[in-house]
Protein backbone atom coordinates (compact mmCIF):
# COMPACT_ATOMS: atom_id res chain seq x y z
CA MET A 1 -16.05 -38.23 83.79
CA ARG A 2 -18.60 -40.17 81.81
CA SER A 3 -20.88 -40.56 84.99
CA THR A 4 -20.72 -36.81 85.75
CA GLN A 5 -21.59 -35.88 82.07
CA ARG A 6 -24.63 -38.04 82.52
CA VAL A 7 -25.76 -36.12 85.51
CA GLU A 8 -25.16 -32.85 83.69
CA GLY A 9 -27.11 -34.12 80.77
CA MET A 10 -30.03 -35.15 82.93
CA ASN A 11 -29.87 -31.59 84.73
CA ALA A 12 -29.86 -29.77 81.26
CA TYR A 13 -32.95 -31.88 80.26
CA PHE A 14 -34.86 -31.24 83.38
CA ASN A 15 -33.86 -27.40 83.27
CA ILE A 16 -36.25 -27.20 80.32
CA PHE A 17 -39.11 -28.15 82.61
CA LEU A 18 -38.28 -26.44 85.76
CA ASN A 19 -36.59 -23.04 86.99
CA GLN A 20 -35.40 -21.77 90.47
CA LYS A 21 -38.97 -20.10 91.46
CA VAL A 22 -41.33 -23.02 90.88
CA ARG A 23 -43.41 -23.99 93.81
CA LEU A 24 -43.25 -27.50 95.45
CA TYR A 25 -46.77 -28.63 93.76
CA GLU A 26 -45.67 -27.40 90.56
CA PHE A 27 -42.41 -29.11 90.83
CA VAL A 28 -44.20 -32.52 90.92
CA ALA A 29 -46.33 -31.83 87.99
CA GLN A 30 -43.57 -30.72 85.87
CA TYR A 31 -41.51 -33.56 86.86
CA ASP A 32 -44.15 -36.08 85.75
CA ARG A 33 -44.45 -34.23 82.67
CA ALA A 34 -40.67 -34.52 81.75
CA LEU A 35 -40.98 -38.10 82.72
CA ALA A 36 -43.68 -38.63 80.32
CA LYS A 37 -41.94 -36.83 77.56
CA MET A 38 -38.99 -39.25 78.09
CA ARG A 39 -41.23 -42.40 77.89
CA VAL A 40 -42.93 -41.21 74.92
CA ASN A 41 -39.84 -40.46 73.23
CA GLU A 42 -38.82 -43.70 74.02
CA ALA A 43 -41.78 -45.73 72.80
CA GLU A 44 -41.59 -43.69 69.61
CA THR A 45 -38.08 -44.62 68.97
CA GLU A 46 -38.95 -48.63 69.48
CA SER A 47 -41.63 -48.44 67.45
CA LYS A 48 -39.67 -46.69 64.55
CA ILE A 49 -36.79 -49.30 64.99
CA GLU A 50 -39.27 -52.26 65.07
CA ASN A 51 -41.22 -50.99 61.86
CA SER A 52 -38.55 -49.54 59.78
CA PHE A 53 -35.23 -50.41 58.28
CA PRO A 54 -32.38 -48.20 57.76
CA VAL A 55 -30.81 -47.44 54.38
CA LEU A 56 -27.48 -49.38 53.80
CA THR A 57 -24.86 -46.94 51.98
CA THR A 58 -21.42 -48.87 52.67
CA PRO A 59 -19.66 -51.39 50.40
CA LEU A 60 -19.66 -54.17 53.35
CA ARG A 61 -23.26 -54.86 52.88
CA SER A 62 -23.29 -58.20 55.01
CA LEU A 63 -21.53 -56.43 57.96
CA GLU A 64 -23.79 -53.43 57.51
CA LYS A 65 -26.88 -55.50 57.32
CA HIS A 66 -26.15 -57.26 60.40
CA ALA A 67 -25.31 -54.46 62.42
CA ALA A 68 -28.66 -52.93 61.30
CA GLU A 69 -30.46 -55.79 62.67
CA LEU A 70 -28.44 -56.09 65.74
CA PHE A 71 -27.86 -52.65 67.30
CA THR A 72 -30.26 -49.72 67.94
CA ARG A 73 -30.61 -46.85 65.42
CA LYS A 74 -28.38 -44.45 67.15
CA ILE A 75 -25.41 -47.30 67.42
CA PHE A 76 -26.04 -48.23 64.07
CA SER A 77 -25.01 -44.95 62.78
CA LEU A 78 -22.07 -44.89 64.87
CA PHE A 79 -20.98 -48.33 63.36
CA GLN A 80 -21.44 -47.06 59.90
CA HIS A 81 -19.48 -44.20 60.54
CA GLU A 82 -16.48 -46.63 61.57
CA ILE A 83 -17.09 -48.49 58.38
CA ARG A 84 -16.49 -45.54 56.26
CA LYS A 85 -13.28 -44.98 58.32
CA GLU A 86 -12.10 -48.41 57.45
CA GLY A 87 -11.91 -47.49 53.82
CA LYS A 88 -8.48 -45.27 54.72
CA LEU A 89 -6.71 -48.18 56.33
CA PHE A 90 -4.33 -50.68 54.49
CA VAL A 91 -2.59 -53.91 55.96
CA MET A 92 1.26 -52.88 56.90
CA GLU A 93 1.94 -56.22 58.28
CA ARG A 94 0.19 -59.84 59.18
CA VAL A 95 1.76 -61.96 61.66
CA GLN A 96 0.71 -65.79 62.19
CA LEU A 97 1.46 -67.12 65.42
CA GLU A 98 0.48 -70.26 67.27
CA ASP A 99 -2.96 -69.32 68.70
CA HIS A 100 -3.76 -66.12 67.05
CA ARG A 101 -2.76 -63.55 64.42
CA THR A 102 -1.44 -60.12 64.61
CA TYR A 103 -2.51 -57.37 62.21
CA ARG A 104 -0.80 -53.93 61.75
CA PHE A 105 -2.72 -51.14 59.88
CA GLY A 106 -1.56 -47.94 58.67
CA GLU A 107 -3.87 -44.93 57.36
CA TYR A 108 -3.88 -43.40 53.88
CA LYS A 109 -1.50 -40.64 53.75
CA ALA A 110 -0.60 -41.04 57.19
CA PRO A 111 1.45 -44.07 57.39
CA THR A 112 3.45 -42.94 60.73
CA CYS A 113 0.27 -43.61 62.43
CA THR A 114 -0.28 -47.54 62.74
CA TRP A 115 -2.57 -49.72 65.00
CA THR A 116 -2.39 -53.08 66.18
CA VAL A 117 -5.26 -55.70 66.57
CA GLU A 118 -5.00 -59.16 67.61
CA TYR A 119 -7.26 -61.74 66.33
CA PHE A 120 -7.96 -65.06 67.82
CA PRO A 121 -9.95 -67.53 65.50
CA ALA A 122 -10.47 -70.53 68.24
CA ASN A 123 -13.38 -68.19 69.99
CA ILE A 124 -13.33 -65.13 67.17
CA THR A 125 -12.05 -62.80 69.93
CA MET A 126 -10.12 -59.34 68.89
CA LYS A 127 -8.38 -56.84 70.56
CA CYS A 128 -7.18 -53.59 69.25
CA CYS A 129 -4.77 -51.11 70.77
CA CYS A 130 -6.98 -48.28 70.24
CA LEU A 131 -9.55 -49.76 73.08
CA LYS A 132 -12.18 -47.96 71.78
CA PHE A 133 -14.57 -51.06 71.94
CA GLU A 134 -13.46 -51.17 76.00
CA SER A 135 -14.33 -47.34 75.91
CA PHE A 136 -17.62 -47.21 74.01
CA GLY A 137 -18.66 -50.60 73.38
CA ILE A 138 -18.71 -50.68 69.62
CA PRO A 139 -16.02 -52.24 67.17
CA CYS A 140 -13.59 -49.79 66.02
CA CYS A 141 -12.67 -49.49 62.17
CA HIS A 142 -9.55 -51.45 62.81
CA MET A 143 -11.65 -54.42 63.80
CA ILE A 144 -13.76 -54.10 60.87
CA ALA A 145 -10.75 -54.23 58.71
CA VAL A 146 -9.75 -57.50 60.29
CA MET A 147 -13.22 -58.83 59.98
CA LYS A 148 -13.02 -57.83 56.00
CA SER A 149 -9.51 -59.90 55.90
CA GLU A 150 -10.80 -62.65 57.47
CA GLN A 151 -13.93 -62.94 55.42
CA LEU A 152 -16.42 -62.64 58.20
CA MET A 153 -20.18 -62.23 57.24
CA CYS A 154 -21.30 -60.93 60.40
CA ILE A 155 -20.26 -59.20 63.66
CA PRO A 156 -18.70 -61.76 66.25
CA PRO A 157 -20.49 -62.11 69.32
CA SER A 158 -17.73 -61.02 71.26
CA CYS A 159 -17.63 -57.69 69.59
CA VAL A 160 -20.94 -56.81 70.45
CA LEU A 161 -22.17 -54.83 73.81
CA GLN A 162 -25.63 -56.36 74.80
CA ARG A 163 -26.73 -53.00 76.30
CA TRP A 164 -26.54 -51.52 72.74
CA THR A 165 -28.51 -53.74 70.96
CA ARG A 166 -32.16 -53.83 70.03
CA ARG A 167 -33.19 -56.89 72.38
CA GLY A 168 -31.22 -55.40 75.31
CA ARG A 169 -34.07 -54.31 77.34
CA SER A 170 -35.90 -57.80 77.19
CA LYS A 171 -32.65 -59.32 78.59
CA CYS A 172 -33.12 -57.57 81.58
CA GLN A 173 -35.10 -58.77 84.60
CA GLN A 174 -37.68 -56.76 85.89
CA PRO A 175 -37.71 -56.70 89.77
CA SER A 176 -40.47 -58.58 91.21
CA LEU A 177 -42.67 -57.37 94.18
CA THR A 178 -40.88 -59.31 96.76
CA GLN A 179 -37.42 -57.55 95.65
CA ILE A 180 -39.01 -54.00 96.20
CA CYS A 181 -39.00 -52.84 100.00
CA SER A 182 -41.69 -53.65 101.86
CA THR A 183 -42.40 -50.03 102.95
CA LEU A 184 -43.35 -49.16 99.21
CA THR A 185 -45.93 -46.34 99.63
CA GLN A 186 -49.02 -45.85 97.47
CA THR A 187 -47.28 -42.98 95.34
CA ALA A 188 -44.47 -45.23 94.32
CA ARG A 189 -46.91 -47.88 93.31
CA PHE A 190 -48.72 -45.38 91.19
CA GLY A 191 -45.55 -44.60 89.62
CA ILE A 192 -44.68 -48.05 88.43
CA LEU A 193 -48.19 -48.74 87.33
CA SER A 194 -48.25 -45.75 85.51
CA SER A 195 -44.79 -46.63 83.71
CA CYS A 196 -45.83 -49.93 82.92
CA PHE A 197 -49.28 -49.03 81.10
CA SER A 198 -47.84 -46.19 79.31
CA GLU A 199 -46.10 -48.34 76.85
CA MET A 200 -49.22 -50.38 76.41
CA SER A 201 -51.36 -47.40 75.73
CA TYR A 202 -48.90 -46.17 73.39
CA TYR A 203 -49.03 -49.25 71.31
CA ALA A 204 -52.56 -49.74 71.69
CA SER A 205 -53.60 -46.44 70.20
CA HIS A 206 -52.70 -47.24 66.87
CA ALA A 207 -55.43 -49.53 65.80
CA ASP A 208 -59.05 -49.09 66.36
CA LYS A 209 -59.18 -52.92 67.27
CA ASP A 210 -56.35 -52.93 69.65
CA PHE A 211 -57.60 -49.86 71.41
CA GLU A 212 -61.35 -51.25 71.77
CA GLU A 213 -59.83 -53.99 73.31
CA ALA A 214 -57.46 -52.52 75.80
CA ARG A 215 -60.26 -50.14 76.81
CA GLU A 216 -62.36 -53.06 77.71
CA ILE A 217 -59.68 -54.86 79.68
CA ALA A 218 -59.02 -51.68 81.47
CA PHE A 219 -62.62 -50.79 82.28
CA GLN A 220 -63.04 -54.45 83.64
CA LEU A 221 -59.83 -54.29 85.78
CA THR A 222 -60.64 -50.74 87.24
CA SER A 223 -63.78 -51.95 88.08
CA GLN A 224 -62.44 -55.38 89.97
CA MET A 225 -59.70 -53.11 91.66
CA LYS A 226 -62.14 -50.40 92.79
CA LYS A 227 -64.36 -53.35 94.44
CA ARG A 228 -61.24 -54.58 96.28
CA TRP A 229 -60.45 -51.29 97.48
CA ALA A 230 -63.83 -50.75 98.76
CA MET A 231 -63.79 -53.90 100.67
CA ARG A 232 -60.56 -53.57 102.15
CA LYS A 233 -61.55 -50.02 103.30
CA GLU A 234 -64.73 -51.33 105.19
CA GLY A 235 -62.77 -53.89 106.59
CA ASN A 236 -60.29 -51.59 108.13
CA ALA A 237 -62.98 -49.33 109.26
CA GLU A 238 -64.59 -52.21 111.24
CA ALA A 239 -61.17 -53.23 112.75
CA GLY A 240 -60.47 -50.00 114.26
CA ASP A 241 -58.48 -46.92 113.75
CA LYS A 242 -55.19 -48.96 114.82
CA ASN A 243 -55.30 -51.59 112.04
CA ILE A 244 -55.38 -48.95 109.43
CA ALA A 245 -51.91 -48.47 107.85
CA PRO A 246 -50.94 -44.69 107.27
CA LYS A 247 -51.25 -43.71 103.74
CA LEU A 248 -48.39 -41.35 102.47
CA TYR A 249 -49.79 -39.32 99.46
CA GLY A 250 -47.68 -36.88 97.53
CA VAL A 251 -44.79 -35.06 98.92
CA GLY A 252 -44.53 -35.11 102.77
CA ASP A 253 -42.68 -32.64 105.18
CA PRO A 254 -38.76 -32.76 104.79
CA ASN A 255 -36.80 -34.53 107.90
CA VAL A 256 -35.41 -32.06 110.42
CA VAL A 257 -31.72 -31.92 110.07
CA LYS A 258 -29.13 -30.11 112.21
CA THR A 259 -28.17 -26.50 111.31
CA LYS A 260 -24.76 -26.25 109.41
CA GLY A 261 -21.99 -24.67 110.95
CA ASN A 262 -19.85 -25.52 114.34
CA PRO A 263 -21.63 -27.88 116.49
CA GLY A 264 -19.31 -27.59 119.59
CA GLY A 265 -19.78 -25.31 122.56
CA THR A 266 -20.89 -22.23 120.49
CA SER A 267 -23.87 -23.97 119.18
CA SER A 268 -27.08 -23.10 120.79
CA MET A 269 -28.78 -26.19 119.36
CA GLY A 270 -30.10 -28.77 121.81
CA LYS A 271 -29.27 -26.61 124.81
CA PRO A 272 -32.04 -25.11 127.45
CA PRO A 273 -32.40 -21.35 127.54
CA LYS A 274 -30.39 -19.70 130.03
CA PRO A 275 -32.65 -18.34 133.29
CA ARG A 276 -32.59 -14.59 133.92
CA ARG A 277 -30.21 -13.12 136.59
CA CYS A 278 -30.52 -10.02 139.04
CA GLY A 279 -28.02 -7.57 137.68
CA TYR A 280 -27.30 -6.42 141.43
CA CYS A 281 -27.11 -9.62 143.37
CA ARG A 282 -27.07 -12.06 140.48
CA SER A 283 -29.93 -14.42 141.88
CA ILE A 284 -32.48 -16.34 139.68
CA GLY A 285 -36.19 -15.26 139.73
CA HIS A 286 -36.06 -11.55 139.69
CA THR A 287 -34.85 -8.89 138.06
CA LYS A 288 -32.90 -5.48 139.19
CA ARG A 289 -35.80 -3.61 139.59
CA MET A 290 -37.60 -6.10 141.72
CA CYS A 291 -34.44 -6.64 143.82
CA LYS A 292 -34.93 -6.60 147.88
CA LYS A 293 -31.16 -6.48 148.26
CA LEU A 294 -30.93 -3.39 146.20
CA ALA A 295 -33.98 -1.78 147.98
CA SER A 296 -32.49 -2.30 151.35
CA SER A 297 -29.22 -1.06 150.65
CA SER A 298 -30.52 1.96 149.26
CA GLN A 299 -32.72 2.75 152.09
CA ARG A 300 -29.56 2.16 154.68
CA GLU A 301 -27.45 4.68 152.64
CA GLY A 302 -30.30 7.39 152.76
CA SER A 303 -30.53 7.21 156.57
CA ASN A 304 -26.63 7.43 156.76
CA SER A 305 -26.46 10.68 154.63
CA ASP A 306 -29.25 12.44 157.04
CA SER A 307 -27.40 11.74 160.47
CA GLU A 308 -23.81 13.05 158.77
CA PRO A 309 -23.21 16.89 159.41
CA PHE A 310 -23.10 19.16 156.83
CA MET A 311 -19.85 20.35 155.27
CA ASN A 312 -18.90 23.91 154.64
CA THR A 313 -18.29 24.39 151.06
CA GLU A 314 -15.30 26.66 150.19
CA LEU A 315 -16.13 29.45 147.90
CA ASP A 316 -14.87 29.51 144.23
CA PRO A 317 -13.13 32.69 143.61
CA HIS A 318 -14.08 32.77 140.05
CA THR A 319 -18.01 32.62 141.30
CA ASP A 320 -19.62 36.23 141.46
CA ASP A 321 -22.96 35.37 141.84
CA ILE A 322 -24.14 34.43 145.14
CA ASP A 323 -27.01 32.57 143.96
CA GLU A 324 -24.74 30.03 142.53
CA LEU A 325 -23.30 29.17 146.22
CA PRO A 326 -24.93 26.28 147.83
CA ILE A 327 -26.71 27.70 151.12
CA TYR A 328 -26.85 25.29 154.39
CA PRO A 329 -29.76 25.47 157.11
CA ASN A 330 -27.23 26.43 159.81
CA ASP A 331 -25.02 29.31 157.82
CA PRO A 332 -25.94 32.73 158.75
CA VAL A 333 -27.80 34.60 155.89
């Protein structure tokens, strides 16, 4: 369900920039605008985290301060809410076992609701029956109550999910060029370089000295890459058209796929067209109008009808007009 919600949230974000009647070239431009806005918002959030510190408002100042230094701003607000919920809990039972201690907590004005937390002092790990840490990745209020009972001054490493920390991105290894597919096109390389230099441009634009230094380095690097590109272009032109790699820019034509439906005998896809047949002799190569057999048979029928004697036609008693009666050559007038 969480993966489906993530996809639906991304669709809702892109619906701000796209609609059903957008053209293909407009879609590419709007898609780049959406990604640029996401990068700018992310860079702005990271700058706010690095250059500011949240206000501490709970009595557990040591845990709250450590969470502010450890988590991102949004995760810290969720952790702060769990600290406020901890004020309603009280210890109902504390059991000391061989290798761990078990705490059972109740809630103020709701003593029937209880939660059990197991605390292992050897490796400073906790396990709560509510399973909020396993679901969301942040310590629940019951774990925070155990931290307060055990007089812990900071959050244990076992209760910290690395992806929610402020340094979570730096821990991730960026894929090297050898790990990327060898058929990477110029468009994909352009997108990767744009993403890399976008963050640098954001930070360099805040100070005059940084701006001048970044612009000078960018100008030198651009001149160097431009000379290399010109040399490769001249070398490919001298080597011939066969050695020039195909360039793929922008959006290409979509792949041709089979039509939907039954691919059995009723489908006409992939079959040669049926030849036209004559409606009389069922032969291939002509139609009924040009059929010789039909012409010869009609001639024979005409000759047979001329040799046959005329037959007398009986008069219709209901016919009074003589002009309506058939007249034959051998009949007397």
